[in-house]
Amino acid sequence: MQADPSGISNDRAVVSRVEDDTAVLAVGPSRTPMHLPLDELPDGAQEGTWLVLDMQLSPPMVLSIDQAMTAERATDR
């Protein structure tokens, strides 16, 4: 999947915040918000964690944690 100049591809999302039992994801380079029940996140996911999504499904499904992007973006903060 092609990334925009920010380095964020359309199939990536970051957990931007947690509200009660819902995670709010910022999806793709446009940071489109997506709400997801916490129990649909991979183990270990928290605010600031980058996720790989399956964008072929509707709604998109979280496949895994993007460990490399999570580590890279954590050092950018």
PDB file of N, CA and C in Angstrom:
ATOM      1  N   MET A   1       0.857  -1.178   0.000  1.00  0.00           N
ATOM      2  CA  MET A   1       0.000   0.000   0.000  1.00  0.00           C
ATOM      3  C   MET A   1       0.898   1.234   0.000  1.00  0.00           C
ATOM      4  N   GLN A   2       0.586   2.204  -0.824  1.00  0.00           N
ATOM      5  CA  GLN A   2       1.399   3.412  -0.989  1.00  0.00           C
ATOM      6  C   GLN A   2       1.253   4.355   0.211  1.00  0.00           C
ATOM      7  N   ALA A   3       2.367   4.845   0.686  1.00  0.00           N
ATOM      8  CA  ALA A   3       2.363   5.810   1.783  1.00  0.00           C
ATOM      9  C   ALA A   3       2.422   7.222   1.217  1.00  0.00           C
ATOM     10  N   ASP A   4       1.852   8.167   1.924  1.00  0.00           N
ATOM     11  CA  ASP A   4       1.951   9.567   1.506  1.00  0.00           C
ATOM     12  C   ASP A   4       3.273  10.118   2.060  1.00  0.00           C
ATOM     13  N   PRO A   5       3.602  11.377   1.812  1.00  0.00           N
ATOM     14  CA  PRO A   5       4.883  11.922   2.283  1.00  0.00           C
ATOM     15  C   PRO A   5       5.097  11.832   3.796  1.00  0.00           C
ATOM     16  N   SER A   6       4.033  11.704   4.570  1.00  0.00           N
ATOM     17  CA  SER A   6       4.183  11.582   6.029  1.00  0.00           C
ATOM     18  C   SER A   6       4.711  10.207   6.415  1.00  0.00           C
ATOM     19  N   GLY A   7       4.715   9.274   5.461  1.00  0.00           N
ATOM     20  CA  GLY A   7       5.156   7.917   5.756  1.00  0.00           C
ATOM     21  C   GLY A   7       4.058   7.032   6.298  1.00  0.00           C
ATOM     22  N   ILE A   8       2.846   7.537   6.351  1.00  0.00           N
ATOM     23  CA  ILE A   8       1.716   6.774   6.889  1.00  0.00           C
ATOM     24  C   ILE A   8       0.880   6.260   5.722  1.00  0.00           C
ATOM     25  N   SER A   9       0.740   4.942   5.621  1.00  0.00           N
ATOM     26  CA  SER A   9      -0.077   4.374   4.553  1.00  0.00           C
ATOM     27  C   SER A   9      -1.529   4.267   5.004  1.00  0.00           C
ATOM     28  N   ASN A  10      -2.413   4.039   4.039  1.00  0.00           N
ATOM     29  CA  ASN A  10      -3.845   3.997   4.322  1.00  0.00           C
ATOM     30  C   ASN A  10      -4.249   2.823   5.204  1.00  0.00           C
ATOM     31  N   ASP A  11      -3.399   1.790   5.283  1.00  0.00           N
ATOM     32  CA  ASP A  11      -3.748   0.623   6.098  1.00  0.00           C
ATOM     33  C   ASP A  11      -3.101   0.653   7.475  1.00  0.00           C
ATOM     34  N   ARG A  12      -2.723   1.831   7.923  1.00  0.00           N
ATOM     35  CA  ARG A  12      -2.146   2.001   9.256  1.00  0.00           C
ATOM     36  C   ARG A  12      -3.006   2.957  10.080  1.00  0.00           C
ATOM     37  N   ALA A  13      -3.053   2.699  11.381  1.00  0.00           N
ATOM     38  CA  ALA A  13      -3.814   3.556  12.299  1.00  0.00           C
ATOM     39  C   ALA A  13      -3.071   3.608  13.622  1.00  0.00           C
ATOM     40  N   VAL A  14      -3.232   4.716  14.313  1.00  0.00           N
ATOM     41  CA  VAL A  14      -2.661   4.848  15.647  1.00  0.00           C
ATOM     42  C   VAL A  14      -3.802   4.957  16.652  1.00  0.00           C
ATOM     43  N   VAL A  15      -3.607   4.334  17.815  1.00  0.00           N
ATOM     44  CA  VAL A  15      -4.580   4.485  18.905  1.00  0.00           C
ATOM     45  C   VAL A  15      -4.354   5.881  19.465  1.00  0.00           C
ATOM     46  N   SER A  16      -5.282   6.793  19.175  1.00  0.00           N
ATOM     47  CA  SER A  16      -5.088   8.172  19.610  1.00  0.00           C
ATOM     48  C   SER A  16      -5.560   8.400  21.042  1.00  0.00           C
ATOM     49  N   ARG A  17      -6.587   7.663  21.448  1.00  0.00           N
ATOM     50  CA  ARG A  17      -7.045   7.785  22.834  1.00  0.00           C
ATOM     51  C   ARG A  17      -8.003   6.638  23.150  1.00  0.00           C
ATOM     52  N   VAL A  18      -8.256   6.465  24.434  1.00  0.00           N
ATOM     53  CA  VAL A  18      -9.195   5.457  24.917  1.00  0.00           C
ATOM     54  C   VAL A  18     -10.262   6.173  25.722  1.00  0.00           C
ATOM     55  N   GLU A  19     -11.510   5.889  25.397  1.00  0.00           N
ATOM     56  CA  GLU A  19     -12.659   6.473  26.097  1.00  0.00           C
ATOM     57  C   GLU A  19     -13.517   5.336  26.611  1.00  0.00           C
ATOM     58  N   ASP A  20     -13.530   5.141  27.924  1.00  0.00           N
ATOM     59  CA  ASP A  20     -14.264   4.038  28.550  1.00  0.00           C
ATOM     60  C   ASP A  20     -13.798   2.714  27.946  1.00  0.00           C
ATOM     61  N   ASP A  21     -14.686   1.998  27.239  1.00  0.00           N
ATOM     62  CA  ASP A  21     -14.311   0.708  26.653  1.00  0.00           C
ATOM     63  C   ASP A  21     -14.135   0.794  25.137  1.00  0.00           C
ATOM     64  N   THR A  22     -13.836   1.999  24.650  1.00  0.00           N
ATOM     65  CA  THR A  22     -13.680   2.228  23.212  1.00  0.00           C
ATOM     66  C   THR A  22     -12.328   2.871  22.916  1.00  0.00           C
ATOM     67  N   ALA A  23     -11.667   2.353  21.884  1.00  0.00           N
ATOM     68  CA  ALA A  23     -10.430   2.967  21.395  1.00  0.00           C
ATOM     69  C   ALA A  23     -10.784   3.854  20.213  1.00  0.00           C
ATOM     70  N   VAL A  24     -10.208   5.045  20.180  1.00  0.00           N
ATOM     71  CA  VAL A  24     -10.392   5.941  19.039  1.00  0.00           C
ATOM     72  C   VAL A  24      -9.096   5.881  18.235  1.00  0.00           C
ATOM     73  N   LEU A  25      -9.215   5.387  17.001  1.00  0.00           N
ATOM     74  CA  LEU A  25      -8.067   5.263  16.112  1.00  0.00           C
ATOM     75  C   LEU A  25      -8.033   6.438  15.149  1.00  0.00           C
ATOM     76  N   ALA A  26      -6.838   6.844  14.764  1.00  0.00           N
ATOM     77  CA  ALA A  26      -6.639   7.832  13.701  1.00  0.00           C
ATOM     78  C   ALA A  26      -6.089   7.043  12.518  1.00  0.00           C
ATOM     79  N   VAL A  27      -6.886   6.910  11.460  1.00  0.00           N
ATOM     80  CA  VAL A  27      -6.575   6.008  10.352  1.00  0.00           C
ATOM     81  C   VAL A  27      -5.974   6.754   9.173  1.00  0.00           C
ATOM     82  N   GLY A  28      -4.863   6.219   8.679  1.00  0.00           N
ATOM     83  CA  GLY A  28      -4.234   6.723   7.463  1.00  0.00           C
ATOM     84  C   GLY A  28      -3.644   8.110   7.612  1.00  0.00           C
ATOM     85  N   PRO A  29      -3.130   8.640   6.495  1.00  0.00           N
ATOM     86  CA  PRO A  29      -2.484   9.952   6.532  1.00  0.00           C
ATOM     87  C   PRO A  29      -3.444  11.091   6.871  1.00  0.00           C
ATOM     88  N   SER A  30      -4.730  10.899   6.594  1.00  0.00           N
ATOM     89  CA  SER A  30      -5.709  11.946   6.907  1.00  0.00           C
ATOM     90  C   SER A  30      -6.164  11.879   8.361  1.00  0.00           C
ATOM     91  N   ARG A  31      -5.730  10.815   9.064  1.00  0.00           N
ATOM     92  CA  ARG A  31      -6.076  10.626  10.489  1.00  0.00           C
ATOM     93  C   ARG A  31      -7.590  10.558  10.713  1.00  0.00           C
ATOM     94  N   THR A  32      -8.293   9.884   9.807  1.00  0.00           N
ATOM     95  CA  THR A  32      -9.740   9.711   9.912  1.00  0.00           C
ATOM     96  C   THR A  32     -10.070   8.941  11.186  1.00  0.00           C
ATOM     97  N   PRO A  33     -10.964   9.477  12.034  1.00  0.00           N
ATOM     98  CA  PRO A  33     -11.276   8.778  13.285  1.00  0.00           C
ATOM     99  C   PRO A  33     -12.102   7.508  13.053  1.00  0.00           C
ATOM    100  N   MET A  34     -11.799   6.491  13.835  1.00  0.00           N
ATOM    101  CA  MET A  34     -12.552   5.231  13.806  1.00  0.00           C
ATOM    102  C   MET A  34     -12.661   4.745  15.246  1.00  0.00           C
ATOM    103  N   HIS A  35     -13.865   4.411  15.674  1.00  0.00           N
ATOM    104  CA  HIS A  35     -14.105   3.924  17.034  1.00  0.00           C
ATOM    105  C   HIS A  35     -14.172   2.402  17.004  1.00  0.00           C
ATOM    106  N   LEU A  36     -13.508   1.789  17.975  1.00  0.00           N
ATOM    107  CA  LEU A  36     -13.403   0.338  18.010  1.00  0.00           C
ATOM    108  C   LEU A  36     -13.467  -0.130  19.458  1.00  0.00           C
ATOM    109  N   PRO A  37     -14.241  -1.192  19.749  1.00  0.00           N
ATOM    110  CA  PRO A  37     -14.249  -1.724  21.115  1.00  0.00           C
ATOM    111  C   PRO A  37     -12.839  -2.166  21.519  1.00  0.00           C
ATOM    112  N   LEU A  38     -12.465  -1.897  22.761  1.00  0.00           N
ATOM    113  CA  LEU A  38     -11.129  -2.254  23.247  1.00  0.00           C
ATOM    114  C   LEU A  38     -10.810  -3.730  23.067  1.00  0.00           C
ATOM    115  N   ASP A  39     -11.823  -4.592  23.187  1.00  0.00           N
ATOM    116  CA  ASP A  39     -11.546  -6.026  23.076  1.00  0.00           C
ATOM    117  C   ASP A  39     -11.205  -6.460  21.646  1.00  0.00           C
ATOM    118  N   GLU A  40     -11.307  -5.557  20.668  1.00  0.00           N
ATOM    119  CA  GLU A  40     -10.908  -5.867  19.299  1.00  0.00           C
ATOM    120  C   GLU A  40      -9.464  -5.452  19.003  1.00  0.00           C
ATOM    121  N   LEU A  41      -8.805  -4.839  19.987  1.00  0.00           N
ATOM    122  CA  LEU A  41      -7.402  -4.468  19.811  1.00  0.00           C
ATOM    123  C   LEU A  41      -6.507  -5.651  20.173  1.00  0.00           C
ATOM    124  N   PRO A  42      -5.336  -5.754  19.531  1.00  0.00           N
ATOM    125  CA  PRO A  42      -4.396  -6.813  19.914  1.00  0.00           C
ATOM    126  C   PRO A  42      -3.894  -6.601  21.342  1.00  0.00           C
ATOM    127  N   ASP A  43      -3.511  -7.677  22.000  1.00  0.00           N
ATOM    128  CA  ASP A  43      -2.931  -7.584  23.346  1.00  0.00           C
ATOM    129  C   ASP A  43      -1.733  -6.645  23.314  1.00  0.00           C
ATOM    130  N   GLY A  44      -1.669  -5.770  24.300  1.00  0.00           N
ATOM    131  CA  GLY A  44      -0.551  -4.844  24.409  1.00  0.00           C
ATOM    132  C   GLY A  44      -0.784  -3.505  23.737  1.00  0.00           C
ATOM    133  N   ALA A  45      -1.847  -3.373  22.962  1.00  0.00           N
ATOM    134  CA  ALA A  45      -2.134  -2.095  22.295  1.00  0.00           C
ATOM    135  C   ALA A  45      -2.593  -1.074  23.326  1.00  0.00           C
ATOM    136  N   GLN A  46      -2.105   0.154  23.182  1.00  0.00           N
ATOM    137  CA  GLN A  46      -2.468   1.253  24.074  1.00  0.00           C
ATOM    138  C   GLN A  46      -2.340   2.548  23.289  1.00  0.00           C
ATOM    139  N   GLU A  47      -2.606   3.689  23.930  1.00  0.00           N
ATOM    140  CA  GLU A  47      -2.448   4.969  23.255  1.00  0.00           C
ATOM    141  C   GLU A  47      -1.042   5.079  22.677  1.00  0.00           C
ATOM    142  N   GLY A  48      -0.964   5.496  21.413  1.00  0.00           N
ATOM    143  CA  GLY A  48       0.325   5.635  20.744  1.00  0.00           C
ATOM    144  C   GLY A  48       0.765   4.408  19.968  1.00  0.00           C
ATOM    145  N   THR A  49       0.033   3.299  20.100  1.00  0.00           N
ATOM    146  CA  THR A  49       0.367   2.076  19.373  1.00  0.00           C
ATOM    147  C   THR A  49      -0.135   2.174  17.941  1.00  0.00           C
ATOM    148  N   TRP A  50       0.737   1.823  16.982  1.00  0.00           N
ATOM    149  CA  TRP A  50       0.365   1.791  15.562  1.00  0.00           C
ATOM    150  C   TRP A  50      -0.114   0.400  15.202  1.00  0.00           C
ATOM    151  N   LEU A  51      -1.175   0.340  14.402  1.00  0.00           N
ATOM    152  CA  LEU A  51      -1.825  -0.914  14.043  1.00  0.00           C
ATOM    153  C   LEU A  51      -1.854  -1.097  12.531  1.00  0.00           C
ATOM    154  N   VAL A  52      -1.848  -2.363  12.113  1.00  0.00           N
ATOM    155  CA  VAL A  52      -2.036  -2.727  10.706  1.00  0.00           C
ATOM    156  C   VAL A  52      -3.505  -3.112  10.554  1.00  0.00           C
ATOM    157  N   LEU A  53      -4.183  -2.525   9.570  1.00  0.00           N
ATOM    158  CA  LEU A  53      -5.597  -2.797   9.336  1.00  0.00           C
ATOM    159  C   LEU A  53      -5.802  -3.555   8.031  1.00  0.00           C
ATOM    160  N   ASP A  54      -6.859  -4.364   7.981  1.00  0.00           N
ATOM    161  CA  ASP A  54      -7.312  -4.965   6.728  1.00  0.00           C
ATOM    162  C   ASP A  54      -8.400  -4.054   6.196  1.00  0.00           C
ATOM    163  N   MET A  55      -8.043  -3.231   5.211  1.00  0.00           N
ATOM    164  CA  MET A  55      -8.975  -2.238   4.667  1.00  0.00           C
ATOM    165  C   MET A  55      -9.932  -2.847   3.644  1.00  0.00           C
ATOM    166  N   GLN A  56      -9.772  -4.138   3.325  1.00  0.00           N
ATOM    167  CA  GLN A  56     -10.671  -4.809   2.385  1.00  0.00           C
ATOM    168  C   GLN A  56     -11.997  -5.168   3.048  1.00  0.00           C
ATOM    169  N   LEU A  57     -12.013  -5.169   4.371  1.00  0.00           N
ATOM    170  CA  LEU A  57     -13.227  -5.496   5.115  1.00  0.00           C
ATOM    171  C   LEU A  57     -13.977  -4.227   5.476  1.00  0.00           C
ATOM    172  N   SER A  58     -15.271  -4.370   5.703  1.00  0.00           N
ATOM    173  CA  SER A  58     -16.073  -3.230   6.107  1.00  0.00           C
ATOM    174  C   SER A  58     -16.887  -3.639   7.336  1.00  0.00           C
ATOM    175  N   PRO A  59     -16.596  -3.079   8.495  1.00  0.00           N
ATOM    176  CA  PRO A  59     -15.552  -2.092   8.780  1.00  0.00           C
ATOM    177  C   PRO A  59     -14.174  -2.749   8.759  1.00  0.00           C
ATOM    178  N   PRO A  60     -13.120  -1.940   8.651  1.00  0.00           N
ATOM    179  CA  PRO A  60     -11.764  -2.487   8.648  1.00  0.00           C
ATOM    180  C   PRO A  60     -11.489  -3.285   9.926  1.00  0.00           C
ATOM    181  N   MET A  61     -10.654  -4.313   9.795  1.00  0.00           N
ATOM    182  CA  MET A  61     -10.305  -5.159  10.933  1.00  0.00           C
ATOM    183  C   MET A  61      -8.840  -4.952  11.308  1.00  0.00           C
ATOM    184  N   VAL A  62      -8.556  -4.902  12.600  1.00  0.00           N
ATOM    185  CA  VAL A  62      -7.181  -4.784  13.074  1.00  0.00           C
ATOM    186  C   VAL A  62      -6.514  -6.150  12.944  1.00  0.00           C
ATOM    187  N   LEU A  63      -5.379  -6.180  12.234  1.00  0.00           N
ATOM    188  CA  LEU A  63      -4.656  -7.431  12.048  1.00  0.00           C
ATOM    189  C   LEU A  63      -3.559  -7.635  13.083  1.00  0.00           C
ATOM    190  N   SER A  64      -2.799  -6.560  13.361  1.00  0.00           N
ATOM    191  CA  SER A  64      -1.668  -6.700  14.272  1.00  0.00           C
ATOM    192  C   SER A  64      -1.139  -5.335  14.674  1.00  0.00           C
ATOM    193  N   ILE A  65      -0.193  -5.350  15.603  1.00  0.00           N
ATOM    194  CA  ILE A  65       0.533  -4.137  15.986  1.00  0.00           C
ATOM    195  C   ILE A  65       1.695  -3.966  15.016  1.00  0.00           C
ATOM    196  N   ASP A  66       1.883  -2.759  14.529  1.00  0.00           N
ATOM    197  CA  ASP A  66       3.052  -2.440  13.707  1.00  0.00           C
ATOM    198  C   ASP A  66       4.153  -2.027  14.679  1.00  0.00           C
ATOM    199  N   GLN A  67       4.956  -3.011  15.099  1.00  0.00           N
ATOM    200  CA  GLN A  67       5.989  -2.776  16.110  1.00  0.00           C
ATOM    201  C   GLN A  67       7.012  -1.743  15.657  1.00  0.00           C
ATOM    202  N   ALA A  68       7.430  -1.826  14.384  1.00  0.00           N
ATOM    203  CA  ALA A  68       8.458  -0.910  13.874  1.00  0.00           C
ATOM    204  C   ALA A  68       7.959   0.527  13.867  1.00  0.00           C
ATOM    205  N   MET A  69       6.735   0.739  13.383  1.00  0.00           N
ATOM    206  CA  MET A  69       6.207   2.105  13.318  1.00  0.00           C
ATOM    207  C   MET A  69       5.940   2.635  14.716  1.00  0.00           C
ATOM    208  N   THR A  70       5.466   1.787  15.622  1.00  0.00           N
ATOM    209  CA  THR A  70       5.206   2.197  16.998  1.00  0.00           C
ATOM    210  C   THR A  70       6.521   2.678  17.637  1.00  0.00           C
ATOM    211  N   ALA A  71       7.595   1.914  17.445  1.00  0.00           N
ATOM    212  CA  ALA A  71       8.890   2.291  18.016  1.00  0.00           C
ATOM    213  C   ALA A  71       9.433   3.565  17.363  1.00  0.00           C
ATOM    214  N   GLU A  72       9.316   3.656  16.039  1.00  0.00           N
ATOM    215  CA  GLU A  72       9.821   4.826  15.300  1.00  0.00           C
ATOM    216  C   GLU A  72       9.083   6.084  15.716  1.00  0.00           C
ATOM    217  N   ARG A  73       7.770   6.022  15.785  1.00  0.00           N
ATOM    218  CA  ARG A  73       6.968   7.207  16.126  1.00  0.00           C
ATOM    219  C   ARG A  73       7.120   7.574  17.592  1.00  0.00           C
ATOM    220  N   ALA A  74       7.409   6.607  18.462  1.00  0.00           N
ATOM    221  CA  ALA A  74       7.606   6.902  19.882  1.00  0.00           C
ATOM    222  C   ALA A  74       8.838   7.757  20.080  1.00  0.00           C
ATOM    223  N   THR A  75       9.864   7.556  19.260  1.00  0.00           N
ATOM    224  CA  THR A  75      11.090   8.350  19.391  1.00  0.00           C
ATOM    225  C   THR A  75      10.915   9.733  18.796  1.00  0.00           C
ATOM    226  N   ASP A  76       9.863   9.921  17.960  1.00  0.00           N
ATOM    227  CA  ASP A  76       9.574  11.233  17.349  1.00  0.00           C
ATOM    228  C   ASP A  76       8.900  12.173  18.330  1.00  0.00           C
ATOM    229  N   ARG A  77       8.335  11.620  19.410  1.00  0.00           N
ATOM    230  CA  ARG A  77       7.581  12.475  20.349  1.00  0.00           C
ATOM    231  C   ARG A  77       8.493  13.301  21.196  1.00  0.00           C
TER     232      ARG A  77
END
